[in-house]
Amino acid sequence: MHAPTNIQLIGQEVAIAWSDGAETYCTFERLRAASPSAETQGERDVLGQLHGGGGSRHFPGVQVLAWERVGNYAIRFDFSDGHRTGLYSYDYLRHVTAAPSA
């Protein structure tokens, strides 16, 4: 697992330098839409039924206000719409930020 070595907020994007030398970028809106929180993605019960996660997938104008490391495995972002519950594991964050912009 590669870890972020530097995270910067540049314009409307999060820029991340990784421990293997790679750099990835993601717009604030796309990062917010990809939040791994139960509020955004929903969560499955013991029978496999999905609950929640049916809200908006578009967050125009959302800003990243701050971020913090959680242990040695994740980043939590604070968004201007009040969302702050998604923990982006390093592997998930790398996947989301490496994906081409839509």
N, C-alpha and C. Protein backbone atom coordinates (compact mmCIF):
# COMPACT_ATOMS: atom_id res chain seq x y z
N MET A 1 0.84 -1.16 0.00
CA MET A 1 0.00 0.00 0.00
C MET A 1 0.90 1.24 0.00
N HIS A 2 0.61 2.15 -0.92
CA HIS A 2 1.34 3.41 -0.98
C HIS A 2 0.59 4.46 -0.18
N ALA A 3 1.33 5.29 0.50
CA ALA A 3 0.74 6.33 1.35
C ALA A 3 0.96 7.70 0.73
N PRO A 4 0.04 8.63 0.98
CA PRO A 4 0.27 10.00 0.53
C PRO A 4 1.44 10.62 1.31
N THR A 5 2.31 11.30 0.59
CA THR A 5 3.41 12.00 1.25
C THR A 5 3.16 13.50 1.30
N ASN A 6 2.27 13.99 0.42
CA ASN A 6 1.95 15.40 0.40
C ASN A 6 0.55 15.56 -0.21
N ILE A 7 -0.29 16.34 0.44
CA ILE A 7 -1.63 16.63 -0.07
C ILE A 7 -1.78 18.14 -0.11
N GLN A 8 -2.17 18.64 -1.29
CA GLN A 8 -2.34 20.08 -1.47
C GLN A 8 -3.71 20.35 -2.08
N LEU A 9 -4.32 21.45 -1.71
CA LEU A 9 -5.55 21.93 -2.32
C LEU A 9 -5.14 23.01 -3.32
N ILE A 10 -5.35 22.72 -4.61
CA ILE A 10 -4.92 23.63 -5.68
C ILE A 10 -6.13 23.96 -6.54
N GLY A 11 -6.56 25.21 -6.49
CA GLY A 11 -7.75 25.60 -7.24
C GLY A 11 -8.95 24.80 -6.74
N GLN A 12 -9.57 24.05 -7.64
CA GLN A 12 -10.73 23.22 -7.31
C GLN A 12 -10.36 21.73 -7.25
N GLU A 13 -9.08 21.44 -7.02
CA GLU A 13 -8.62 20.05 -7.00
C GLU A 13 -7.79 19.73 -5.76
N VAL A 14 -7.80 18.45 -5.43
CA VAL A 14 -6.88 17.91 -4.44
C VAL A 14 -5.74 17.27 -5.23
N ALA A 15 -4.52 17.65 -4.92
CA ALA A 15 -3.34 17.07 -5.56
C ALA A 15 -2.61 16.23 -4.51
N ILE A 16 -2.27 15.00 -4.88
CA ILE A 16 -1.64 14.08 -3.92
C ILE A 16 -0.35 13.52 -4.51
N ALA A 17 0.74 13.65 -3.76
CA ALA A 17 2.00 12.98 -4.08
C ALA A 17 2.05 11.72 -3.23
N TRP A 18 2.43 10.61 -3.86
CA TRP A 18 2.42 9.31 -3.19
C TRP A 18 3.84 8.82 -2.91
N SER A 19 3.94 7.88 -1.99
CA SER A 19 5.24 7.36 -1.55
C SER A 19 6.01 6.66 -2.67
N ASP A 20 5.34 6.26 -3.75
CA ASP A 20 6.04 5.64 -4.87
C ASP A 20 6.42 6.65 -5.95
N GLY A 21 6.20 7.95 -5.68
CA GLY A 21 6.56 9.00 -6.62
C GLY A 21 5.44 9.42 -7.56
N ALA A 22 4.33 8.71 -7.56
CA ALA A 22 3.20 9.05 -8.42
C ALA A 22 2.50 10.30 -7.88
N GLU A 23 1.82 11.01 -8.78
CA GLU A 23 1.00 12.15 -8.41
C GLU A 23 -0.39 11.95 -8.99
N THR A 24 -1.42 12.22 -8.20
CA THR A 24 -2.79 12.10 -8.68
C THR A 24 -3.56 13.36 -8.31
N TYR A 25 -4.65 13.59 -9.06
CA TYR A 25 -5.46 14.80 -8.89
C TYR A 25 -6.93 14.43 -8.95
N CYS A 26 -7.75 15.20 -8.25
CA CYS A 26 -9.19 14.95 -8.27
C CYS A 26 -9.92 16.24 -7.96
N THR A 27 -11.00 16.52 -8.70
CA THR A 27 -11.79 17.71 -8.39
C THR A 27 -12.51 17.50 -7.07
N PHE A 28 -12.80 18.59 -6.39
CA PHE A 28 -13.52 18.51 -5.13
C PHE A 28 -14.87 17.82 -5.32
N GLU A 29 -15.56 18.18 -6.40
CA GLU A 29 -16.89 17.61 -6.65
C GLU A 29 -16.82 16.09 -6.82
N ARG A 30 -15.87 15.62 -7.60
CA ARG A 30 -15.73 14.17 -7.82
C ARG A 30 -15.33 13.46 -6.54
N LEU A 31 -14.44 14.08 -5.77
CA LEU A 31 -14.02 13.48 -4.50
C LEU A 31 -15.20 13.36 -3.55
N ARG A 32 -16.04 14.40 -3.49
CA ARG A 32 -17.23 14.37 -2.62
C ARG A 32 -18.20 13.30 -3.06
N ALA A 33 -18.42 13.17 -4.38
CA ALA A 33 -19.35 12.16 -4.91
C ALA A 33 -18.86 10.74 -4.62
N ALA A 34 -17.55 10.58 -4.50
CA ALA A 34 -16.97 9.25 -4.26
C ALA A 34 -16.81 8.92 -2.79
N SER A 35 -17.34 9.77 -1.91
CA SER A 35 -17.18 9.53 -0.48
C SER A 35 -17.62 8.10 -0.13
N PRO A 36 -16.77 7.38 0.59
CA PRO A 36 -17.11 6.00 0.97
C PRO A 36 -18.04 5.91 2.18
N SER A 37 -18.62 7.02 2.59
CA SER A 37 -19.49 7.01 3.78
C SER A 37 -20.79 6.27 3.50
N ALA A 38 -21.41 5.77 4.55
CA ALA A 38 -22.71 5.10 4.42
C ALA A 38 -23.76 6.09 3.93
N GLU A 39 -23.63 7.36 4.31
CA GLU A 39 -24.56 8.39 3.86
C GLU A 39 -24.56 8.51 2.33
N THR A 40 -23.39 8.43 1.72
CA THR A 40 -23.26 8.59 0.28
C THR A 40 -23.43 7.27 -0.47
N GLN A 41 -22.77 6.22 -0.01
CA GLN A 41 -22.75 4.94 -0.71
C GLN A 41 -23.85 3.98 -0.26
N GLY A 42 -24.40 4.23 0.92
CA GLY A 42 -25.33 3.27 1.50
C GLY A 42 -24.55 2.19 2.24
N GLU A 43 -25.26 1.33 2.92
CA GLU A 43 -24.61 0.20 3.58
C GLU A 43 -25.52 -1.00 3.53
N ARG A 44 -24.92 -2.18 3.52
CA ARG A 44 -25.68 -3.42 3.41
C ARG A 44 -25.93 -4.02 4.79
N ASP A 45 -27.14 -4.59 4.94
CA ASP A 45 -27.46 -5.28 6.19
C ASP A 45 -26.95 -6.72 6.09
N VAL A 46 -27.22 -7.53 7.11
CA VAL A 46 -26.73 -8.91 7.14
C VAL A 46 -27.31 -9.77 6.02
N LEU A 47 -28.42 -9.33 5.42
CA LEU A 47 -29.03 -10.07 4.31
C LEU A 47 -28.56 -9.55 2.94
N GLY A 48 -27.68 -8.55 2.99
CA GLY A 48 -27.15 -8.02 1.74
C GLY A 48 -27.98 -6.92 1.10
N GLN A 49 -29.03 -6.46 1.76
CA GLN A 49 -29.87 -5.41 1.21
C GLN A 49 -29.24 -4.05 1.48
N LEU A 50 -29.21 -3.22 0.43
CA LEU A 50 -28.60 -1.89 0.54
C LEU A 50 -29.60 -0.91 1.15
N HIS A 51 -29.13 -0.14 2.13
CA HIS A 51 -29.94 0.88 2.79
C HIS A 51 -29.21 2.21 2.68
N GLY A 52 -29.97 3.25 2.30
CA GLY A 52 -29.39 4.59 2.19
C GLY A 52 -28.58 4.75 0.93
N GLY A 53 -27.89 5.86 0.84
CA GLY A 53 -27.02 6.12 -0.29
C GLY A 53 -27.74 6.55 -1.55
N GLY A 54 -29.03 6.86 -1.46
CA GLY A 54 -29.78 7.22 -2.65
C GLY A 54 -29.82 8.71 -2.93
N GLY A 55 -29.02 9.49 -2.23
CA GLY A 55 -29.06 10.94 -2.40
C GLY A 55 -28.32 11.41 -3.64
N SER A 56 -28.09 12.69 -3.69
CA SER A 56 -27.44 13.33 -4.83
C SER A 56 -26.05 12.77 -5.06
N ARG A 57 -25.69 12.68 -6.32
CA ARG A 57 -24.33 12.27 -6.69
C ARG A 57 -23.60 13.44 -7.35
N HIS A 58 -24.24 14.61 -7.33
CA HIS A 58 -23.64 15.81 -7.92
C HIS A 58 -23.53 16.87 -6.83
N PHE A 59 -22.36 17.46 -6.74
CA PHE A 59 -22.10 18.42 -5.68
C PHE A 59 -21.41 19.66 -6.25
N PRO A 60 -22.11 20.36 -7.16
CA PRO A 60 -21.48 21.52 -7.79
C PRO A 60 -21.13 22.59 -6.76
N GLY A 61 -19.95 23.14 -6.90
CA GLY A 61 -19.50 24.22 -6.03
C GLY A 61 -18.97 23.79 -4.68
N VAL A 62 -19.02 22.48 -4.38
CA VAL A 62 -18.51 22.03 -3.08
C VAL A 62 -17.01 22.28 -3.01
N GLN A 63 -16.55 22.61 -1.82
CA GLN A 63 -15.13 22.88 -1.58
C GLN A 63 -14.60 21.90 -0.54
N VAL A 64 -13.32 21.60 -0.62
CA VAL A 64 -12.64 20.88 0.46
C VAL A 64 -12.09 21.96 1.38
N LEU A 65 -12.53 21.96 2.61
CA LEU A 65 -12.10 22.97 3.58
C LEU A 65 -10.85 22.54 4.34
N ALA A 66 -10.74 21.24 4.58
CA ALA A 66 -9.61 20.71 5.35
C ALA A 66 -9.55 19.20 5.15
N TRP A 67 -8.48 18.61 5.61
CA TRP A 67 -8.34 17.16 5.59
C TRP A 67 -7.46 16.76 6.76
N GLU A 68 -7.59 15.49 7.16
CA GLU A 68 -6.71 14.99 8.21
C GLU A 68 -6.47 13.50 8.02
N ARG A 69 -5.30 13.06 8.46
CA ARG A 69 -4.96 11.64 8.42
C ARG A 69 -5.71 10.93 9.54
N VAL A 70 -6.12 9.70 9.25
CA VAL A 70 -6.76 8.85 10.25
C VAL A 70 -5.86 7.62 10.37
N GLY A 71 -5.17 7.52 11.49
CA GLY A 71 -4.23 6.42 11.66
C GLY A 71 -3.19 6.43 10.54
N ASN A 72 -2.80 5.26 10.11
CA ASN A 72 -1.85 5.12 9.01
C ASN A 72 -2.50 4.46 7.81
N TYR A 73 -3.82 4.75 7.62
CA TYR A 73 -4.51 4.04 6.55
C TYR A 73 -5.52 4.88 5.78
N ALA A 74 -5.88 6.09 6.25
CA ALA A 74 -6.97 6.81 5.59
C ALA A 74 -6.83 8.32 5.74
N ILE A 75 -7.60 9.03 4.90
CA ILE A 75 -7.73 10.48 4.96
C ILE A 75 -9.22 10.80 5.10
N ARG A 76 -9.54 11.77 5.96
CA ARG A 76 -10.90 12.26 6.09
C ARG A 76 -10.92 13.71 5.63
N PHE A 77 -11.81 14.01 4.69
CA PHE A 77 -11.93 15.37 4.15
C PHE A 77 -13.13 16.07 4.78
N ASP A 78 -13.00 17.37 5.02
CA ASP A 78 -14.11 18.22 5.46
C ASP A 78 -14.57 19.00 4.24
N PHE A 79 -15.84 18.84 3.87
CA PHE A 79 -16.40 19.51 2.70
C PHE A 79 -17.28 20.68 3.13
N SER A 80 -17.43 21.66 2.24
CA SER A 80 -18.19 22.87 2.54
C SER A 80 -19.68 22.61 2.73
N ASP A 81 -20.18 21.45 2.29
CA ASP A 81 -21.60 21.13 2.51
C ASP A 81 -21.83 20.46 3.86
N GLY A 82 -20.80 20.41 4.70
CA GLY A 82 -20.91 19.83 6.03
C GLY A 82 -20.55 18.36 6.11
N HIS A 83 -20.32 17.72 4.97
CA HIS A 83 -19.98 16.29 4.98
C HIS A 83 -18.55 16.10 5.47
N ARG A 84 -18.39 15.12 6.37
CA ARG A 84 -17.04 14.83 6.88
C ARG A 84 -16.93 13.42 7.45
N THR A 85 -17.82 12.53 7.05
CA THR A 85 -17.82 11.20 7.66
C THR A 85 -17.15 10.12 6.82
N GLY A 86 -16.78 10.40 5.58
CA GLY A 86 -16.16 9.36 4.75
C GLY A 86 -14.68 9.22 5.04
N LEU A 87 -14.24 8.01 5.32
CA LEU A 87 -12.82 7.72 5.49
C LEU A 87 -12.30 7.11 4.20
N TYR A 88 -11.44 7.82 3.51
CA TYR A 88 -10.87 7.36 2.25
C TYR A 88 -9.60 6.58 2.56
N SER A 89 -9.67 5.25 2.51
CA SER A 89 -8.45 4.46 2.72
C SER A 89 -7.44 4.87 1.66
N TYR A 90 -6.18 4.68 1.93
CA TYR A 90 -5.16 5.08 0.95
C TYR A 90 -5.39 4.40 -0.39
N ASP A 91 -5.70 3.10 -0.38
CA ASP A 91 -5.94 2.39 -1.65
C ASP A 91 -7.14 2.96 -2.39
N TYR A 92 -8.24 3.24 -1.67
CA TYR A 92 -9.43 3.80 -2.30
C TYR A 92 -9.15 5.21 -2.82
N LEU A 93 -8.45 6.02 -2.03
CA LEU A 93 -8.12 7.38 -2.45
C LEU A 93 -7.25 7.36 -3.69
N ARG A 94 -6.32 6.46 -3.75
CA ARG A 94 -5.46 6.35 -4.94
C ARG A 94 -6.30 6.00 -6.15
N HIS A 95 -7.22 5.06 -5.99
CA HIS A 95 -8.11 4.65 -7.10
C HIS A 95 -8.97 5.82 -7.57
N VAL A 96 -9.60 6.52 -6.63
CA VAL A 96 -10.51 7.63 -6.98
C VAL A 96 -9.75 8.76 -7.66
N THR A 97 -8.59 9.11 -7.15
CA THR A 97 -7.86 10.26 -7.69
C THR A 97 -7.10 9.92 -8.97
N ALA A 98 -6.87 8.66 -9.23
CA ALA A 98 -6.17 8.26 -10.46
C ALA A 98 -7.13 8.09 -11.62
N ALA A 99 -8.43 7.96 -11.33
CA ALA A 99 -9.42 7.76 -12.39
C ALA A 99 -9.53 9.02 -13.24
N PRO A 100 -9.72 8.85 -14.55
CA PRO A 100 -9.85 10.04 -15.40
C PRO A 100 -11.10 10.84 -15.05
N SER A 101 -11.00 12.14 -15.16
CA SER A 101 -12.14 13.02 -14.89
C SER A 101 -13.22 12.79 -15.92
N ALA A 102 -14.48 12.86 -15.44
CA ALA A 102 -15.61 12.67 -16.34
C ALA A 102 -15.96 13.94 -17.07
